[in-house]
Amino acid sequence: MTTVEVRIPPQIARQFGAQRWESVEADTVAAMTAALDGRFPGMAAQLLEPDGRLRGWINIFIDERDVRSLDGMETRLRSGLKVYIVPAIAGGRPTLHDES
C-alpha cells in the first residue's frame, strides 16, 4: 500500500478533529478519501458528491496539478507524495467600470 501525506484545510480539520497533515495509505485519490472517512467519519461527505465526484468547491492537488486534469478520483498515488485538499475561495469587491 502507498503512504501519502494529505494537507487538510483548517476548517475541515477542526470540524473532524484532524491534524493539518494526515498520513494515509491509499493507491488512488478515491481510496485516500475513503481512508480519511474511515478515520474521520463524515469527512468524505464534505469532499464528495453522493456519486463520488469531488464537490465543486473542493480541489485536490498532487504535485501542483488538479486531479480533475489527471484521472480524477482514479488518479494513482505513489509513496511520498503530498496531496493538498483546497477549498475554493470566492469573494472580493466588485469593480465599478463607470464611477462618474
PDB file of N, CA and C in Angstrom:
ATOM      1  N   MET A   1       0.850  -1.180   0.000  1.00  0.00           N
ATOM      2  CA  MET A   1       0.000   0.000   0.000  1.00  0.00           C
ATOM      3  C   MET A   1       0.892   1.239   0.000  1.00  0.00           C
ATOM      4  N   THR A   2       0.422   2.291  -0.592  1.00  0.00           N
ATOM      5  CA  THR A   2       1.146   3.548  -0.733  1.00  0.00           C
ATOM      6  C   THR A   2       0.783   4.498   0.403  1.00  0.00           C
ATOM      7  N   THR A   3       1.783   5.144   1.001  1.00  0.00           N
ATOM      8  CA  THR A   3       1.527   6.128   2.058  1.00  0.00           C
ATOM      9  C   THR A   3       1.759   7.525   1.505  1.00  0.00           C
ATOM     10  N   VAL A   4       0.746   8.391   1.653  1.00  0.00           N
ATOM     11  CA  VAL A   4       0.848   9.783   1.211  1.00  0.00           C
ATOM     12  C   VAL A   4       0.515  10.709   2.373  1.00  0.00           C
ATOM     13  N   GLU A   5       1.026  11.926   2.281  1.00  0.00           N
ATOM     14  CA  GLU A   5       0.718  12.974   3.259  1.00  0.00           C
ATOM     15  C   GLU A   5      -0.383  13.842   2.669  1.00  0.00           C
ATOM     16  N   VAL A   6      -1.440  14.058   3.440  1.00  0.00           N
ATOM     17  CA  VAL A   6      -2.583  14.833   2.962  1.00  0.00           C
ATOM     18  C   VAL A   6      -2.717  16.096   3.795  1.00  0.00           C
ATOM     19  N   ARG A   7      -2.733  17.238   3.123  1.00  0.00           N
ATOM     20  CA  ARG A   7      -2.933  18.540   3.780  1.00  0.00           C
ATOM     21  C   ARG A   7      -4.429  18.805   3.791  1.00  0.00           C
ATOM     22  N   ILE A   8      -4.976  18.927   4.998  1.00  0.00           N
ATOM     23  CA  ILE A   8      -6.416  19.130   5.177  1.00  0.00           C
ATOM     24  C   ILE A   8      -6.651  20.590   5.535  1.00  0.00           C
ATOM     25  N   PRO A   9      -7.594  21.257   4.856  1.00  0.00           N
ATOM     26  CA  PRO A   9      -7.835  22.669   5.170  1.00  0.00           C
ATOM     27  C   PRO A   9      -8.278  22.843   6.621  1.00  0.00           C
ATOM     28  N   PRO A  10      -7.911  23.979   7.228  1.00  0.00           N
ATOM     29  CA  PRO A  10      -8.171  24.159   8.663  1.00  0.00           C
ATOM     30  C   PRO A  10      -9.633  24.006   9.057  1.00  0.00           C
ATOM     31  N   GLN A  11     -10.559  24.516   8.255  1.00  0.00           N
ATOM     32  CA  GLN A  11     -11.967  24.430   8.636  1.00  0.00           C
ATOM     33  C   GLN A  11     -12.460  22.986   8.659  1.00  0.00           C
ATOM     34  N   ILE A  12     -11.973  22.162   7.754  1.00  0.00           N
ATOM     35  CA  ILE A  12     -12.365  20.749   7.746  1.00  0.00           C
ATOM     36  C   ILE A  12     -11.615  19.994   8.844  1.00  0.00           C
ATOM     37  N   ALA A  13     -10.346  20.296   9.034  1.00  0.00           N
ATOM     38  CA  ALA A  13      -9.567  19.647  10.102  1.00  0.00           C
ATOM     39  C   ALA A  13     -10.212  19.894  11.462  1.00  0.00           C
ATOM     40  N   ARG A  14     -10.598  21.139  11.723  1.00  0.00           N
ATOM     41  CA  ARG A  14     -11.241  21.464  13.021  1.00  0.00           C
ATOM     42  C   ARG A  14     -12.558  20.717  13.186  1.00  0.00           C
ATOM     43  N   GLN A  15     -13.349  20.688  12.131  1.00  0.00           N
ATOM     44  CA  GLN A  15     -14.662  20.040  12.205  1.00  0.00           C
ATOM     45  C   GLN A  15     -14.555  18.564  12.598  1.00  0.00           C
ATOM     46  N   PHE A  16     -13.491  17.897  12.139  1.00  0.00           N
ATOM     47  CA  PHE A  16     -13.365  16.457  12.372  1.00  0.00           C
ATOM     48  C   PHE A  16     -12.288  16.086  13.383  1.00  0.00           C
ATOM     49  N   GLY A  17     -11.620  17.076  13.958  1.00  0.00           N
ATOM     50  CA  GLY A  17     -10.553  16.787  14.911  1.00  0.00           C
ATOM     51  C   GLY A  17      -9.316  16.196  14.259  1.00  0.00           C
ATOM     52  N   ALA A  18      -9.114  16.514  12.994  1.00  0.00           N
ATOM     53  CA  ALA A  18      -7.953  16.014  12.255  1.00  0.00           C
ATOM     54  C   ALA A  18      -6.775  16.965  12.428  1.00  0.00           C
ATOM     55  N   GLN A  19      -5.596  16.461  12.128  1.00  0.00           N
ATOM     56  CA  GLN A  19      -4.405  17.300  12.062  1.00  0.00           C
ATOM     57  C   GLN A  19      -4.388  17.982  10.698  1.00  0.00           C
ATOM     58  N   ARG A  20      -3.614  19.050  10.580  1.00  0.00           N
ATOM     59  CA  ARG A  20      -3.497  19.724   9.282  1.00  0.00           C
ATOM     60  C   ARG A  20      -2.836  18.810   8.255  1.00  0.00           C
ATOM     61  N   TRP A  21      -1.927  17.952   8.688  1.00  0.00           N
ATOM     62  CA  TRP A  21      -1.315  16.935   7.827  1.00  0.00           C
ATOM     63  C   TRP A  21      -1.670  15.573   8.393  1.00  0.00           C
ATOM     64  N   GLU A  22      -2.208  14.711   7.565  1.00  0.00           N
ATOM     65  CA  GLU A  22      -2.520  13.339   7.950  1.00  0.00           C
ATOM     66  C   GLU A  22      -1.841  12.395   6.964  1.00  0.00           C
ATOM     67  N   SER A  23      -1.245  11.336   7.471  1.00  0.00           N
ATOM     68  CA  SER A  23      -0.677  10.278   6.624  1.00  0.00           C
ATOM     69  C   SER A  23      -1.744   9.218   6.422  1.00  0.00           C
ATOM     70  N   VAL A  24      -1.957   8.833   5.169  1.00  0.00           N
ATOM     71  CA  VAL A  24      -2.916   7.766   4.882  1.00  0.00           C
ATOM     72  C   VAL A  24      -2.307   6.796   3.880  1.00  0.00           C
ATOM     73  N   GLU A  25      -2.779   5.568   3.930  1.00  0.00           N
ATOM     74  CA  GLU A  25      -2.374   4.553   2.966  1.00  0.00           C
ATOM     75  C   GLU A  25      -3.465   4.440   1.923  1.00  0.00           C
ATOM     76  N   ALA A  26      -3.098   4.704   0.669  1.00  0.00           N
ATOM     77  CA  ALA A  26      -4.071   4.653  -0.417  1.00  0.00           C
ATOM     78  C   ALA A  26      -3.337   4.628  -1.749  1.00  0.00           C
ATOM     79  N   ASP A  27      -3.907   3.918  -2.718  1.00  0.00           N
ATOM     80  CA  ASP A  27      -3.313   3.834  -4.055  1.00  0.00           C
ATOM     81  C   ASP A  27      -3.936   4.807  -5.047  1.00  0.00           C
ATOM     82  N   THR A  28      -5.139   5.321  -4.731  1.00  0.00           N
ATOM     83  CA  THR A  28      -5.820   6.279  -5.607  1.00  0.00           C
ATOM     84  C   THR A  28      -6.407   7.400  -4.757  1.00  0.00           C
ATOM     85  N   VAL A  29      -6.815   8.470  -5.418  1.00  0.00           N
ATOM     86  CA  VAL A  29      -7.459   9.572  -4.703  1.00  0.00           C
ATOM     87  C   VAL A  29      -8.759   9.083  -4.061  1.00  0.00           C
ATOM     88  N   ALA A  30      -9.512   8.238  -4.758  1.00  0.00           N
ATOM     89  CA  ALA A  30     -10.751   7.697  -4.181  1.00  0.00           C
ATOM     90  C   ALA A  30     -10.457   6.909  -2.906  1.00  0.00           C
ATOM     91  N   ALA A  31      -9.422   6.081  -2.931  1.00  0.00           N
ATOM     92  CA  ALA A  31      -9.051   5.306  -1.742  1.00  0.00           C
ATOM     93  C   ALA A  31      -8.562   6.225  -0.630  1.00  0.00           C
ATOM     94  N   MET A  32      -7.916   7.330  -0.999  1.00  0.00           N
ATOM     95  CA  MET A  32      -7.446   8.297   0.001  1.00  0.00           C
ATOM     96  C   MET A  32      -8.630   8.930   0.729  1.00  0.00           C
ATOM     97  N   THR A  33      -9.658   9.341  -0.025  1.00  0.00           N
ATOM     98  CA  THR A  33     -10.823   9.944   0.634  1.00  0.00           C
ATOM     99  C   THR A  33     -11.550   8.909   1.483  1.00  0.00           C
ATOM    100  N   ALA A  34     -11.582   7.656   1.032  1.00  0.00           N
ATOM    101  CA  ALA A  34     -12.201   6.593   1.833  1.00  0.00           C
ATOM    102  C   ALA A  34     -11.409   6.362   3.116  1.00  0.00           C
ATOM    103  N   ALA A  35     -10.076   6.400   3.031  1.00  0.00           N
ATOM    104  CA  ALA A  35      -9.242   6.216   4.226  1.00  0.00           C
ATOM    105  C   ALA A  35      -9.453   7.358   5.214  1.00  0.00           C
ATOM    106  N   LEU A  36      -9.537   8.585   4.698  1.00  0.00           N
ATOM    107  CA  LEU A  36      -9.808   9.725   5.582  1.00  0.00           C
ATOM    108  C   LEU A  36     -11.174   9.580   6.240  1.00  0.00           C
ATOM    109  N   ASP A  37     -12.160   9.122   5.460  1.00  0.00           N
ATOM    110  CA  ASP A  37     -13.507   8.948   6.004  1.00  0.00           C
ATOM    111  C   ASP A  37     -13.541   7.829   7.040  1.00  0.00           C
ATOM    112  N   GLY A  38     -12.728   6.799   6.855  1.00  0.00           N
ATOM    113  CA  GLY A  38     -12.645   5.730   7.848  1.00  0.00           C
ATOM    114  C   GLY A  38     -12.090   6.233   9.169  1.00  0.00           C
ATOM    115  N   ARG A  39     -11.156   7.152   9.086  1.00  0.00           N
ATOM    116  CA  ARG A  39     -10.540   7.723  10.283  1.00  0.00           C
ATOM    117  C   ARG A  39     -11.397   8.835  10.873  1.00  0.00           C
ATOM    118  N   PHE A  40     -12.049   9.599  10.001  1.00  0.00           N
ATOM    119  CA  PHE A  40     -12.867  10.750  10.414  1.00  0.00           C
ATOM    120  C   PHE A  40     -14.233  10.630   9.740  1.00  0.00           C
ATOM    121  N   PRO A  41     -15.144   9.820  10.330  1.00  0.00           N
ATOM    122  CA  PRO A  41     -16.438   9.570   9.699  1.00  0.00           C
ATOM    123  C   PRO A  41     -17.166  10.864   9.330  1.00  0.00           C
ATOM    124  N   GLY A  42     -17.627  10.894   8.080  1.00  0.00           N
ATOM    125  CA  GLY A  42     -18.351  12.054   7.570  1.00  0.00           C
ATOM    126  C   GLY A  42     -17.494  12.982   6.732  1.00  0.00           C
ATOM    127  N   MET A  43     -16.170  12.810   6.783  1.00  0.00           N
ATOM    128  CA  MET A  43     -15.304  13.710   6.017  1.00  0.00           C
ATOM    129  C   MET A  43     -15.539  13.566   4.513  1.00  0.00           C
ATOM    130  N   ALA A  44     -15.738  12.345   4.040  1.00  0.00           N
ATOM    131  CA  ALA A  44     -15.958  12.154   2.602  1.00  0.00           C
ATOM    132  C   ALA A  44     -17.190  12.916   2.130  1.00  0.00           C
ATOM    133  N   ALA A  45     -18.215  12.999   2.959  1.00  0.00           N
ATOM    134  CA  ALA A  45     -19.425  13.738   2.578  1.00  0.00           C
ATOM    135  C   ALA A  45     -19.142  15.226   2.408  1.00  0.00           C
ATOM    136  N   GLN A  46     -18.120  15.732   3.090  1.00  0.00           N
ATOM    137  CA  GLN A  46     -17.725  17.135   2.918  1.00  0.00           C
ATOM    138  C   GLN A  46     -16.963  17.331   1.609  1.00  0.00           C
ATOM    139  N   LEU A  47     -16.273  16.302   1.163  1.00  0.00           N
ATOM    140  CA  LEU A  47     -15.408  16.409  -0.005  1.00  0.00           C
ATOM    141  C   LEU A  47     -16.063  15.956  -1.300  1.00  0.00           C
ATOM    142  N   LEU A  48     -17.006  15.008  -1.210  1.00  0.00           N
ATOM    143  CA  LEU A  48     -17.535  14.344  -2.396  1.00  0.00           C
ATOM    144  C   LEU A  48     -19.036  14.506  -2.543  1.00  0.00           C
ATOM    145  N   GLU A  49     -19.474  14.518  -3.800  1.00  0.00           N
ATOM    146  CA  GLU A  49     -20.899  14.440  -4.116  1.00  0.00           C
ATOM    147  C   GLU A  49     -21.360  13.013  -3.810  1.00  0.00           C
ATOM    148  N   PRO A  50     -22.678  12.799  -3.699  1.00  0.00           N
ATOM    149  CA  PRO A  50     -23.159  11.435  -3.428  1.00  0.00           C
ATOM    150  C   PRO A  50     -22.706  10.399  -4.464  1.00  0.00           C
ATOM    151  N   ASP A  51     -22.441  10.841  -5.706  1.00  0.00           N
ATOM    152  CA  ASP A  51     -21.998   9.893  -6.738  1.00  0.00           C
ATOM    153  C   ASP A  51     -20.482   9.662  -6.735  1.00  0.00           C
ATOM    154  N   GLY A  52     -19.766  10.268  -5.762  1.00  0.00           N
ATOM    155  CA  GLY A  52     -18.335  10.034  -5.630  1.00  0.00           C
ATOM    156  C   GLY A  52     -17.440  11.046  -6.314  1.00  0.00           C
ATOM    157  N   ARG A  53     -18.026  11.980  -7.065  1.00  0.00           N
ATOM    158  CA  ARG A  53     -17.217  13.044  -7.679  1.00  0.00           C
ATOM    159  C   ARG A  53     -16.862  14.088  -6.633  1.00  0.00           C
ATOM    160  N   LEU A  54     -15.765  14.810  -6.868  1.00  0.00           N
ATOM    161  CA  LEU A  54     -15.415  15.914  -5.971  1.00  0.00           C
ATOM    162  C   LEU A  54     -16.500  16.974  -6.002  1.00  0.00           C
ATOM    163  N   ARG A  55     -16.803  17.521  -4.837  1.00  0.00           N
ATOM    164  CA  ARG A  55     -17.731  18.651  -4.800  1.00  0.00           C
ATOM    165  C   ARG A  55     -17.108  19.803  -5.576  1.00  0.00           C
ATOM    166  N   GLY A  56     -17.938  20.654  -6.160  1.00  0.00           N
ATOM    167  CA  GLY A  56     -17.459  21.746  -6.995  1.00  0.00           C
ATOM    168  C   GLY A  56     -16.545  22.714  -6.279  1.00  0.00           C
ATOM    169  N   TRP A  57     -16.730  22.861  -4.987  1.00  0.00           N
ATOM    170  CA  TRP A  57     -15.936  23.834  -4.230  1.00  0.00           C
ATOM    171  C   TRP A  57     -14.690  23.232  -3.593  1.00  0.00           C
ATOM    172  N   ILE A  58     -14.434  21.952  -3.877  1.00  0.00           N
ATOM    173  CA  ILE A  58     -13.243  21.272  -3.345  1.00  0.00           C
ATOM    174  C   ILE A  58     -12.299  20.940  -4.498  1.00  0.00           C
ATOM    175  N   ASN A  59     -11.037  21.236  -4.294  1.00  0.00           N
ATOM    176  CA  ASN A  59      -9.995  20.876  -5.257  1.00  0.00           C
ATOM    177  C   ASN A  59      -8.977  19.996  -4.540  1.00  0.00           C
ATOM    178  N   ILE A  60      -8.441  19.035  -5.252  1.00  0.00           N
ATOM    179  CA  ILE A  60      -7.361  18.209  -4.721  1.00  0.00           C
ATOM    180  C   ILE A  60      -6.197  18.309  -5.694  1.00  0.00           C
ATOM    181  N   PHE A  61      -5.046  18.686  -5.145  1.00  0.00           N
ATOM    182  CA  PHE A  61      -3.846  18.868  -5.950  1.00  0.00           C
ATOM    183  C   PHE A  61      -2.783  17.847  -5.557  1.00  0.00           C
ATOM    184  N   ILE A  62      -2.115  17.329  -6.577  1.00  0.00           N
ATOM    185  CA  ILE A  62      -0.969  16.442  -6.406  1.00  0.00           C
ATOM    186  C   ILE A  62       0.148  17.039  -7.254  1.00  0.00           C
ATOM    187  N   ASP A  63       1.276  17.322  -6.639  1.00  0.00           N
ATOM    188  CA  ASP A  63       2.382  17.945  -7.379  1.00  0.00           C
ATOM    189  C   ASP A  63       1.898  19.156  -8.176  1.00  0.00           C
ATOM    190  N   GLU A  64       1.106  19.995  -7.550  1.00  0.00           N
ATOM    191  CA  GLU A  64       0.580  21.234  -8.122  1.00  0.00           C
ATOM    192  C   GLU A  64      -0.375  21.018  -9.294  1.00  0.00           C
ATOM    193  N   ARG A  65      -0.851  19.799  -9.477  1.00  0.00           N
ATOM    194  CA  ARG A  65      -1.805  19.517 -10.559  1.00  0.00           C
ATOM    195  C   ARG A  65      -3.138  19.110  -9.960  1.00  0.00           C
ATOM    196  N   ASP A  66      -4.187  19.727 -10.468  1.00  0.00           N
ATOM    197  CA  ASP A  66      -5.547  19.414 -10.040  1.00  0.00           C
ATOM    198  C   ASP A  66      -5.884  18.004 -10.520  1.00  0.00           C
ATOM    199  N   VAL A  67      -6.397  17.166  -9.622  1.00  0.00           N
ATOM    200  CA  VAL A  67      -6.712  15.789 -10.022  1.00  0.00           C
ATOM    201  C   VAL A  67      -7.759  15.753 -11.128  1.00  0.00           C
ATOM    202  N   ARG A  68      -8.552  16.820 -11.268  1.00  0.00           N
ATOM    203  CA  ARG A  68      -9.534  16.855 -12.356  1.00  0.00           C
ATOM    204  C   ARG A  68      -8.836  16.855 -13.720  1.00  0.00           C
ATOM    205  N   SER A  69      -7.605  17.368 -13.778  1.00  0.00           N
ATOM    206  CA  SER A  69      -6.857  17.383 -15.042  1.00  0.00           C
ATOM    207  C   SER A  69      -6.048  16.095 -15.222  1.00  0.00           C
ATOM    208  N   LEU A  70      -6.089  15.233 -14.237  1.00  0.00           N
ATOM    209  CA  LEU A  70      -5.410  13.936 -14.311  1.00  0.00           C
ATOM    210  C   LEU A  70      -6.477  12.873 -14.552  1.00  0.00           C
ATOM    211  N   ASP A  71      -6.577  11.897 -13.683  1.00  0.00           N
ATOM    212  CA  ASP A  71      -7.592  10.844 -13.826  1.00  0.00           C
ATOM    213  C   ASP A  71      -8.681  10.961 -12.774  1.00  0.00           C
ATOM    214  N   GLY A  72      -8.907  12.180 -12.276  1.00  0.00           N
ATOM    215  CA  GLY A  72      -9.960  12.403 -11.294  1.00  0.00           C
ATOM    216  C   GLY A  72      -9.743  11.568 -10.044  1.00  0.00           C
ATOM    217  N   MET A  73     -10.807  10.979  -9.564  1.00  0.00           N
ATOM    218  CA  MET A  73     -10.737  10.197  -8.334  1.00  0.00           C
ATOM    219  C   MET A  73      -9.928   8.909  -8.509  1.00  0.00           C
ATOM    220  N   GLU A  74      -9.701   8.500  -9.745  1.00  0.00           N
ATOM    221  CA  GLU A  74      -8.906   7.292 -10.005  1.00  0.00           C
ATOM    222  C   GLU A  74      -7.427   7.604 -10.217  1.00  0.00           C
ATOM    223  N   THR A  75      -7.027   8.857  -9.999  1.00  0.00           N
ATOM    224  CA  THR A  75      -5.618   9.224 -10.109  1.00  0.00           C
ATOM    225  C   THR A  75      -4.796   8.367  -9.157  1.00  0.00           C
ATOM    226  N   ARG A  76      -3.749   7.750  -9.688  1.00  0.00           N
ATOM    227  CA  ARG A  76      -2.882   6.876  -8.895  1.00  0.00           C
ATOM    228  C   ARG A  76      -1.970   7.712  -8.009  1.00  0.00           C
ATOM    229  N   LEU A  77      -1.713   7.207  -6.817  1.00  0.00           N
ATOM    230  CA  LEU A  77      -0.813   7.849  -5.866  1.00  0.00           C
ATOM    231  C   LEU A  77       0.432   6.993  -5.710  1.00  0.00           C
ATOM    232  N   ARG A  78       1.529   7.637  -5.351  1.00  0.00           N
ATOM    233  CA  ARG A  78       2.752   6.890  -5.047  1.00  0.00           C
ATOM    234  C   ARG A  78       3.318   7.396  -3.732  1.00  0.00           C
ATOM    235  N   SER A  79       4.029   6.549  -3.059  1.00  0.00           N
ATOM    236  CA  SER A  79       4.565   6.890  -1.736  1.00  0.00           C
ATOM    237  C   SER A  79       5.373   8.175  -1.780  1.00  0.00           C
ATOM    238  N   GLY A  80       5.202   8.950  -0.714  1.00  0.00           N
ATOM    239  CA  GLY A  80       5.949  10.186  -0.563  1.00  0.00           C
ATOM    240  C   GLY A  80       5.281  11.410  -1.149  1.00  0.00           C
ATOM    241  N   LEU A  81       4.196  11.221  -1.903  1.00  0.00           N
ATOM    242  CA  LEU A  81       3.508  12.378  -2.472  1.00  0.00           C
ATOM    243  C   LEU A  81       2.865  13.211  -1.379  1.00  0.00           C
ATOM    244  N   LYS A  82       2.770  14.491  -1.646  1.00  0.00           N
ATOM    245  CA  LYS A  82       2.000  15.393  -0.797  1.00  0.00           C
ATOM    246  C   LYS A  82       0.743  15.759  -1.573  1.00  0.00           C
ATOM    247  N   VAL A  83      -0.394  15.527  -0.941  1.00  0.00           N
ATOM    248  CA  VAL A  83      -1.691  15.782  -1.556  1.00  0.00           C
ATOM    249  C   VAL A  83      -2.336  16.925  -0.789  1.00  0.00           C
ATOM    250  N   TYR A  84      -2.858  17.895  -1.523  1.00  0.00           N
ATOM    251  CA  TYR A  84      -3.451  19.079  -0.898  1.00  0.00           C
ATOM    252  C   TYR A  84      -4.940  19.128  -1.201  1.00  0.00           C
ATOM    253  N   ILE A  85      -5.750  19.189  -0.152  1.00  0.00           N
ATOM    254  CA  ILE A  85      -7.187  19.424  -0.301  1.00  0.00           C
ATOM    255  C   ILE A  85      -7.377  20.919  -0.113  1.00  0.00           C
ATOM    256  N   VAL A  86      -7.935  21.572  -1.135  1.00  0.00           N
ATOM    257  CA  VAL A  86      -8.043  23.028  -1.122  1.00  0.00           C
ATOM    258  C   VAL A  86      -9.474  23.435  -1.454  1.00  0.00           C
ATOM    259  N   PRO A  87     -10.160  24.104  -0.511  1.00  0.00           N
ATOM    260  CA  PRO A  87     -11.498  24.599  -0.836  1.00  0.00           C
ATOM    261  C   PRO A  87     -11.386  25.824  -1.738  1.00  0.00           C
ATOM    262  N   ALA A  88     -12.350  25.975  -2.628  1.00  0.00           N
ATOM    263  CA  ALA A  88     -12.389  27.159  -3.486  1.00  0.00           C
ATOM    264  C   ALA A  88     -12.674  28.377  -2.625  1.00  0.00           C
ATOM    265  N   ILE A  89     -12.114  29.490  -3.019  1.00  0.00           N
ATOM    266  CA  ILE A  89     -12.310  30.740  -2.285  1.00  0.00           C
ATOM    267  C   ILE A  89     -12.979  31.727  -3.220  1.00  0.00           C
ATOM    268  N   ALA A  90     -14.006  32.370  -2.725  1.00  0.00           N
ATOM    269  CA  ALA A  90     -14.708  33.380  -3.511  1.00  0.00           C
ATOM    270  C   ALA A  90     -14.821  34.641  -2.676  1.00  0.00           C
ATOM    271  N   GLY A  91     -15.083  35.702  -3.334  1.00  0.00           N
ATOM    272  CA  GLY A  91     -15.268  36.957  -2.613  1.00  0.00           C
ATOM    273  C   GLY A  91     -14.526  38.076  -3.298  1.00  0.00           C
ATOM    274  N   GLY A  92     -14.367  39.140  -2.587  1.00  0.00           N
ATOM    275  CA  GLY A  92     -13.706  40.301  -3.156  1.00  0.00           C
ATOM    276  C   GLY A  92     -14.692  41.428  -3.351  1.00  0.00           C
ATOM    277  N   ARG A  93     -14.217  42.473  -3.927  1.00  0.00           N
ATOM    278  CA  ARG A  93     -15.042  43.653  -4.139  1.00  0.00           C
ATOM    279  C   ARG A  93     -15.276  43.825  -5.628  1.00  0.00           C
ATOM    280  N   PRO A  94     -16.522  44.000  -6.043  1.00  0.00           N
ATOM    281  CA  PRO A  94     -16.768  44.212  -7.465  1.00  0.00           C
ATOM    282  C   PRO A  94     -16.140  45.528  -7.915  1.00  0.00           C
ATOM    283  N   THR A  95     -15.704  45.550  -9.154  1.00  0.00           N
ATOM    284  CA  THR A  95     -15.128  46.759  -9.732  1.00  0.00           C
ATOM    285  C   THR A  95     -16.210  47.499 -10.489  1.00  0.00           C
ATOM    286  N   LEU A  96     -16.318  48.779 -10.223  1.00  0.00           N
ATOM    287  CA  LEU A  96     -17.262  49.609 -10.959  1.00  0.00           C
ATOM    288  C   LEU A  96     -16.523  50.239 -12.124  1.00  0.00           C
ATOM    289  N   HIS A  97     -16.983  49.962 -13.335  1.00  0.00           N
ATOM    290  CA  HIS A  97     -16.307  50.486 -14.516  1.00  0.00           C
ATOM    291  C   HIS A  97     -16.641  51.950 -14.760  1.00  0.00           C
ATOM    292  N   ASP A  98     -17.827  52.359 -14.405  1.00  0.00           N
ATOM    293  CA  ASP A  98     -18.241  53.745 -14.639  1.00  0.00           C
ATOM    294  C   ASP A  98     -18.527  54.384 -13.294  1.00  0.00           C
ATOM    295  N   GLU A  99     -17.560  55.115 -12.777  1.00  0.00           N
ATOM    296  CA  GLU A  99     -17.718  55.739 -11.465  1.00  0.00           C
ATOM    297  C   GLU A  99     -18.140  57.194 -11.574  1.00  0.00           C
ATOM    298  N   SER A 100     -18.583  57.641 -12.755  1.00  0.00           N
ATOM    299  CA  SER A 100     -18.976  59.047 -12.914  1.00  0.00           C
ATOM    300  C   SER A 100     -20.393  59.305 -12.487  1.00  0.00           C
TER     301      SER A 100
END
